[in-house]
């Protein structure tokens, strides 16, 4: 299971027991959107090759508000 923890400057990720951070600028460059408009599903797709996406995607701007 992958765990994503969002804040104003990026995302802390735990993937297969490994912890790392995706910075805001890296996410914006990879997705091509401003950070608040990126969804949790899009970040998960950056981390996992074929994630199982459930529920509605949530904008980071809504998550950290």
PDB file of N, CA and C in Angstrom:
ATOM      1  N   UNK A   1       0.832  -1.188   0.000  1.00  0.00           N
ATOM      2  CA  UNK A   1       0.000   0.000   0.000  1.00  0.00           C
ATOM      3  C   UNK A   1       0.876   1.250   0.000  1.00  0.00           C
ATOM      4  N   UNK A   2       0.523   2.206  -0.800  1.00  0.00           N
ATOM      5  CA  UNK A   2       1.248   3.471  -0.881  1.00  0.00           C
ATOM      6  C   UNK A   2       0.519   4.505  -0.035  1.00  0.00           C
ATOM      7  N   UNK A   3       1.291   5.253   0.766  1.00  0.00           N
ATOM      8  CA  UNK A   3       0.719   6.294   1.609  1.00  0.00           C
ATOM      9  C   UNK A   3       1.240   7.642   1.118  1.00  0.00           C
ATOM     10  N   UNK A   4       0.320   8.580   0.877  1.00  0.00           N
ATOM     11  CA  UNK A   4       0.665   9.930   0.437  1.00  0.00           C
ATOM     12  C   UNK A   4       0.246  10.918   1.522  1.00  0.00           C
ATOM     13  N   UNK A   5       1.176  11.795   1.933  1.00  0.00           N
ATOM     14  CA  UNK A   5       0.866  12.847   2.913  1.00  0.00           C
ATOM     15  C   UNK A   5       1.196  14.187   2.272  1.00  0.00           C
ATOM     16  N   UNK A   6       0.171  14.999   2.043  1.00  0.00           N
ATOM     17  CA  UNK A   6       0.308  16.252   1.315  1.00  0.00           C
ATOM     18  C   UNK A   6       0.513  17.430   2.260  1.00  0.00           C
ATOM     19  N   UNK A   7       1.350  18.386   1.843  1.00  0.00           N
ATOM     20  CA  UNK A   7       1.438  19.681   2.512  1.00  0.00           C
ATOM     21  C   UNK A   7       1.691  20.742   1.453  1.00  0.00           C
ATOM     22  N   UNK A   8       1.926  21.976   1.876  1.00  0.00           N
ATOM     23  CA  UNK A   8       2.034  23.093   0.931  1.00  0.00           C
ATOM     24  C   UNK A   8       3.251  23.005   0.007  1.00  0.00           C
ATOM     25  N   UNK A   9       4.278  22.253   0.399  1.00  0.00           N
ATOM     26  CA  UNK A   9       5.512  22.246  -0.380  1.00  0.00           C
ATOM     27  C   UNK A   9       5.812  20.924  -1.085  1.00  0.00           C
ATOM     28  N   UNK A  10       4.933  19.939  -0.915  1.00  0.00           N
ATOM     29  CA  UNK A  10       5.178  18.672  -1.575  1.00  0.00           C
ATOM     30  C   UNK A  10       4.428  17.530  -0.929  1.00  0.00           C
ATOM     31  N   UNK A  11       4.871  16.307  -1.249  1.00  0.00           N
ATOM     32  CA  UNK A  11       4.193  15.102  -0.778  1.00  0.00           C
ATOM     33  C   UNK A  11       5.213  14.144  -0.182  1.00  0.00           C
ATOM     34  N   UNK A  12       4.943  13.704   1.045  1.00  0.00           N
ATOM     35  CA  UNK A  12       5.723  12.620   1.637  1.00  0.00           C
ATOM     36  C   UNK A  12       5.087  11.319   1.190  1.00  0.00           C
ATOM     37  N   UNK A  13       5.917  10.395   0.715  1.00  0.00           N
ATOM     38  CA  UNK A  13       5.421   9.135   0.150  1.00  0.00           C
ATOM     39  C   UNK A  13       6.054   7.965   0.890  1.00  0.00           C
ATOM     40  N   UNK A  14       5.252   6.954   1.172  1.00  0.00           N
ATOM     41  CA  UNK A  14       5.768   5.665   1.636  1.00  0.00           C
ATOM     42  C   UNK A  14       5.309   4.649   0.601  1.00  0.00           C
ATOM     43  N   UNK A  15       6.272   4.074  -0.124  1.00  0.00           N
ATOM     44  CA  UNK A  15       5.980   3.126  -1.200  1.00  0.00           C
ATOM     45  C   UNK A  15       6.797   1.869  -0.973  1.00  0.00           C
ATOM     46  N   UNK A  16       6.128   0.750  -0.783  1.00  0.00           N
ATOM     47  CA  UNK A  16       6.780  -0.545  -0.546  1.00  0.00           C
ATOM     48  C   UNK A  16       7.836  -0.438   0.547  1.00  0.00           C
ATOM     49  N   UNK A  17       7.504   0.271   1.624  1.00  0.00           N
ATOM     50  CA  UNK A  17       8.401   0.393   2.775  1.00  0.00           C
ATOM     51  C   UNK A  17       9.470   1.458   2.640  1.00  0.00           C
ATOM     52  N   UNK A  18       9.549   2.136   1.508  1.00  0.00           N
ATOM     53  CA  UNK A  18      10.547   3.183   1.289  1.00  0.00           C
ATOM     54  C   UNK A  18       9.871   4.543   1.408  1.00  0.00           C
ATOM     55  N   UNK A  19      10.479   5.417   2.218  1.00  0.00           N
ATOM     56  CA  UNK A  19       9.945   6.763   2.398  1.00  0.00           C
ATOM     57  C   UNK A  19      10.754   7.751   1.563  1.00  0.00           C
ATOM     58  N   UNK A  20      10.053   8.648   0.864  1.00  0.00           N
ATOM     59  CA  UNK A  20      10.724   9.708   0.111  1.00  0.00           C
ATOM     60  C   UNK A  20       9.777  10.870  -0.051  1.00  0.00           C
ATOM     61  N   UNK A  21      10.292  11.968  -0.575  1.00  0.00           N
ATOM     62  CA  UNK A  21       9.500  13.181  -0.737  1.00  0.00           C
ATOM     63  C   UNK A  21       9.492  13.605  -2.201  1.00  0.00           C
ATOM     64  N   UNK A  22       8.303  13.992  -2.683  1.00  0.00           N
ATOM     65  CA  UNK A  22       8.167  14.597  -4.004  1.00  0.00           C
ATOM     66  C   UNK A  22       7.922  16.083  -3.784  1.00  0.00           C
ATOM     67  N   UNK A  23       8.838  16.902  -4.251  1.00  0.00           N
ATOM     68  CA  UNK A  23       8.705  18.346  -4.067  1.00  0.00           C
ATOM     69  C   UNK A  23       7.667  18.915  -5.029  1.00  0.00           C
ATOM     70  N   UNK A  24       7.062  20.004  -4.623  1.00  0.00           N
ATOM     71  CA  UNK A  24       6.024  20.695  -5.378  1.00  0.00           C
ATOM     72  C   UNK A  24       6.453  20.956  -6.830  1.00  0.00           C
ATOM     73  N   UNK A  25       7.660  21.494  -7.026  1.00  0.00           N
ATOM     74  CA  UNK A  25       8.141  21.833  -8.376  1.00  0.00           C
ATOM     75  C   UNK A  25       8.249  20.587  -9.257  1.00  0.00           C
ATOM     76  N   UNK A  26       8.699  19.481  -8.698  1.00  0.00           N
ATOM     77  CA  UNK A  26       8.818  18.236  -9.462  1.00  0.00           C
ATOM     78  C   UNK A  26       7.438  17.745  -9.898  1.00  0.00           C
ATOM     79  N   UNK A  27       6.475  17.808  -8.991  1.00  0.00           N
ATOM     80  CA  UNK A  27       5.110  17.373  -9.307  1.00  0.00           C
ATOM     81  C   UNK A  27       4.510  18.256 -10.394  1.00  0.00           C
ATOM     82  N   UNK A  28       4.671  19.567 -10.260  1.00  0.00           N
ATOM     83  CA  UNK A  28       4.131  20.487 -11.270  1.00  0.00           C
ATOM     84  C   UNK A  28       4.745  20.227 -12.638  1.00  0.00           C
ATOM     85  N   UNK A  29       6.047  19.988 -12.674  1.00  0.00           N
ATOM     86  CA  UNK A  29       6.725  19.742 -13.953  1.00  0.00           C
ATOM     87  C   UNK A  29       6.271  18.417 -14.566  1.00  0.00           C
ATOM     88  N   UNK A  30       6.136  17.400 -13.755  1.00  0.00           N
ATOM     89  CA  UNK A  30       5.765  16.076 -14.257  1.00  0.00           C
ATOM     90  C   UNK A  30       4.313  16.033 -14.736  1.00  0.00           C
ATOM     91  N   UNK A  31       3.414  16.707 -14.029  1.00  0.00           N
ATOM     92  CA  UNK A  31       1.987  16.644 -14.361  1.00  0.00           C
ATOM     93  C   UNK A  31       1.590  17.746 -15.341  1.00  0.00           C
ATOM     94  N   UNK A  32       2.282  18.875 -15.297  1.00  0.00           N
ATOM     95  CA  UNK A  32       1.957  19.976 -16.194  1.00  0.00           C
ATOM     96  C   UNK A  32       0.821  20.850 -15.706  1.00  0.00           C
ATOM     97  N   UNK A  33       0.599  20.869 -14.391  1.00  0.00           N
ATOM     98  CA  UNK A  33      -0.441  21.700 -13.782  1.00  0.00           C
ATOM     99  C   UNK A  33       0.141  22.381 -12.559  1.00  0.00           C
ATOM    100  N   UNK A  34      -0.548  23.428 -12.096  1.00  0.00           N
ATOM    101  CA  UNK A  34      -0.114  24.039 -10.842  1.00  0.00           C
ATOM    102  C   UNK A  34      -0.429  23.065  -9.700  1.00  0.00           C
ATOM    103  N   UNK A  35       0.410  23.076  -8.678  1.00  0.00           N
ATOM    104  CA  UNK A  35       0.332  22.119  -7.578  1.00  0.00           C
ATOM    105  C   UNK A  35      -1.074  21.978  -6.982  1.00  0.00           C
ATOM    106  N   UNK A  36      -1.783  23.072  -6.670  1.00  0.00           N
ATOM    107  CA  UNK A  36      -3.119  22.902  -6.069  1.00  0.00           C
ATOM    108  C   UNK A  36      -4.125  22.205  -6.984  1.00  0.00           C
ATOM    109  N   UNK A  37      -3.891  22.225  -8.294  1.00  0.00           N
ATOM    110  CA  UNK A  37      -4.821  21.604  -9.248  1.00  0.00           C
ATOM    111  C   UNK A  37      -4.509  20.138  -9.549  1.00  0.00           C
ATOM    112  N   UNK A  38      -3.358  19.656  -9.099  1.00  0.00           N
ATOM    113  CA  UNK A  38      -2.990  18.250  -9.287  1.00  0.00           C
ATOM    114  C   UNK A  38      -3.857  17.409  -8.350  1.00  0.00           C
ATOM    115  N   UNK A  39      -4.234  16.201  -8.787  1.00  0.00           N
ATOM    116  CA  UNK A  39      -5.055  15.340  -7.931  1.00  0.00           C
ATOM    117  C   UNK A  39      -4.199  14.275  -7.243  1.00  0.00           C
ATOM    118  N   UNK A  40      -4.761  13.722  -6.170  1.00  0.00           N
ATOM    119  CA  UNK A  40      -4.083  12.632  -5.470  1.00  0.00           C
ATOM    120  C   UNK A  40      -3.881  11.433  -6.399  1.00  0.00           C
ATOM    121  N   UNK A  41      -4.818  11.183  -7.314  1.00  0.00           N
ATOM    122  CA  UNK A  41      -4.677  10.072  -8.259  1.00  0.00           C
ATOM    123  C   UNK A  41      -3.480  10.300  -9.188  1.00  0.00           C
ATOM    124  N   UNK A  42      -3.276  11.546  -9.627  1.00  0.00           N
ATOM    125  CA  UNK A  42      -2.148  11.840 -10.516  1.00  0.00           C
ATOM    126  C   UNK A  42      -0.818  11.625  -9.800  1.00  0.00           C
ATOM    127  N   UNK A  43      -0.740  12.015  -8.534  1.00  0.00           N
ATOM    128  CA  UNK A  43       0.496  11.789  -7.764  1.00  0.00           C
ATOM    129  C   UNK A  43       0.717  10.290  -7.586  1.00  0.00           C
ATOM    130  N   UNK A  44      -0.331   9.560  -7.273  1.00  0.00           N
ATOM    131  CA  UNK A  44      -0.203   8.108  -7.104  1.00  0.00           C
ATOM    132  C   UNK A  44       0.285   7.454  -8.389  1.00  0.00           C
ATOM    133  N   UNK A  45      -0.178   7.948  -9.538  1.00  0.00           N
ATOM    134  CA  UNK A  45       0.274   7.402 -10.819  1.00  0.00           C
ATOM    135  C   UNK A  45       1.748   7.722 -11.084  1.00  0.00           C
ATOM    136  N   UNK A  46       2.269   8.781 -10.486  1.00  0.00           N
ATOM    137  CA  UNK A  46       3.702   9.080 -10.600  1.00  0.00           C
ATOM    138  C   UNK A  46       4.519   8.044  -9.833  1.00  0.00           C
ATOM    139  N   UNK A  47       3.966   7.554  -8.730  1.00  0.00           N
ATOM    140  CA  UNK A  47       4.699   6.660  -7.829  1.00  0.00           C
ATOM    141  C   UNK A  47       4.570   5.201  -8.252  1.00  0.00           C
ATOM    142  N   UNK A  48       3.355   4.765  -8.536  1.00  0.00           N
ATOM    143  CA  UNK A  48       3.093   3.366  -8.870  1.00  0.00           C
ATOM    144  C   UNK A  48       2.882   3.197 -10.367  1.00  0.00           C
ATOM    145  N   UNK A  49       3.332   2.066 -10.879  1.00  0.00           N
ATOM    146  CA  UNK A  49       3.184   1.807 -12.311  1.00  0.00           C
ATOM    147  C   UNK A  49       1.724   1.595 -12.704  1.00  0.00           C
ATOM    148  N   UNK A  50       1.000   0.809 -11.928  1.00  0.00           N
ATOM    149  CA  UNK A  50      -0.412   0.538 -12.235  1.00  0.00           C
ATOM    150  C   UNK A  50      -1.209   0.571 -10.934  1.00  0.00           C
ATOM    151  N   UNK A  51      -1.428   1.769 -10.384  1.00  0.00           N
ATOM    152  CA  UNK A  51      -2.129   1.844  -9.095  1.00  0.00           C
ATOM    153  C   UNK A  51      -3.603   1.473  -9.228  1.00  0.00           C
ATOM    154  N   UNK A  52      -4.161   0.962  -8.130  1.00  0.00           N
ATOM    155  CA  UNK A  52      -5.607   0.745  -8.135  1.00  0.00           C
ATOM    156  C   UNK A  52      -6.233   2.019  -7.588  1.00  0.00           C
ATOM    157  N   UNK A  53      -6.891   2.744  -8.460  1.00  0.00           N
ATOM    158  CA  UNK A  53      -7.483   4.025  -8.108  1.00  0.00           C
ATOM    159  C   UNK A  53      -8.929   3.806  -7.682  1.00  0.00           C
ATOM    160  N   UNK A  54      -9.243   4.235  -6.468  1.00  0.00           N
ATOM    161  CA  UNK A  54     -10.613   4.082  -5.999  1.00  0.00           C
ATOM    162  C   UNK A  54     -11.126   5.429  -5.510  1.00  0.00           C
ATOM    163  N   UNK A  55     -12.409   5.609  -5.599  1.00  0.00           N
ATOM    164  CA  UNK A  55     -13.003   6.865  -5.177  1.00  0.00           C
ATOM    165  C   UNK A  55     -12.747   7.977  -6.182  1.00  0.00           C
ATOM    166  N   UNK A  56     -13.264   9.142  -5.857  1.00  0.00           N
ATOM    167  CA  UNK A  56     -13.085  10.304  -6.725  1.00  0.00           C
ATOM    168  C   UNK A  56     -11.708  10.925  -6.491  1.00  0.00           C
ATOM    169  N   UNK A  57     -11.042  11.403  -7.556  1.00  0.00           N
ATOM    170  CA  UNK A  57      -9.779  12.107  -7.364  1.00  0.00           C
ATOM    171  C   UNK A  57     -10.009  13.395  -6.575  1.00  0.00           C
ATOM    172  N   UNK A  58      -9.062  13.726  -5.713  1.00  0.00           N
ATOM    173  CA  UNK A  58      -9.166  14.951  -4.918  1.00  0.00           C
ATOM    174  C   UNK A  58      -8.014  15.881  -5.271  1.00  0.00           C
ATOM    175  N   UNK A  59      -8.328  17.164  -5.477  1.00  0.00           N
ATOM    176  CA  UNK A  59      -7.298  18.172  -5.758  1.00  0.00           C
ATOM    177  C   UNK A  59      -6.450  18.402  -4.505  1.00  0.00           C
ATOM    178  N   UNK A  60      -5.144  18.580  -4.697  1.00  0.00           N
ATOM    179  CA  UNK A  60      -4.262  18.873  -3.576  1.00  0.00           C
ATOM    180  C   UNK A  60      -4.716  20.144  -2.866  1.00  0.00           C
ATOM    181  N   UNK A  61      -5.172  21.144  -3.632  1.00  0.00           N
ATOM    182  CA  UNK A  61      -5.649  22.375  -3.024  1.00  0.00           C
ATOM    183  C   UNK A  61      -6.771  22.137  -2.039  1.00  0.00           C
ATOM    184  N   UNK A  62      -7.631  21.166  -2.301  1.00  0.00           N
ATOM    185  CA  UNK A  62      -8.722  20.820  -1.390  1.00  0.00           C
ATOM    186  C   UNK A  62      -8.228  20.005  -0.202  1.00  0.00           C
ATOM    187  N   UNK A  63      -7.233  19.166  -0.423  1.00  0.00           N
ATOM    188  CA  UNK A  63      -6.709  18.315   0.639  1.00  0.00           C
ATOM    189  C   UNK A  63      -5.995  19.143   1.708  1.00  0.00           C
ATOM    190  N   UNK A  64      -5.183  20.119   1.275  1.00  0.00           N
ATOM    191  CA  UNK A  64      -4.384  20.886   2.247  1.00  0.00           C
ATOM    192  C   UNK A  64      -5.103  22.115   2.769  1.00  0.00           C
ATOM    193  N   UNK A  65      -6.305  22.385   2.261  1.00  0.00           N
ATOM    194  CA  UNK A  65      -7.049  23.584   2.702  1.00  0.00           C
ATOM    195  C   UNK A  65      -7.490  23.478   4.145  1.00  0.00           C
TER     196      UNK A  65
END
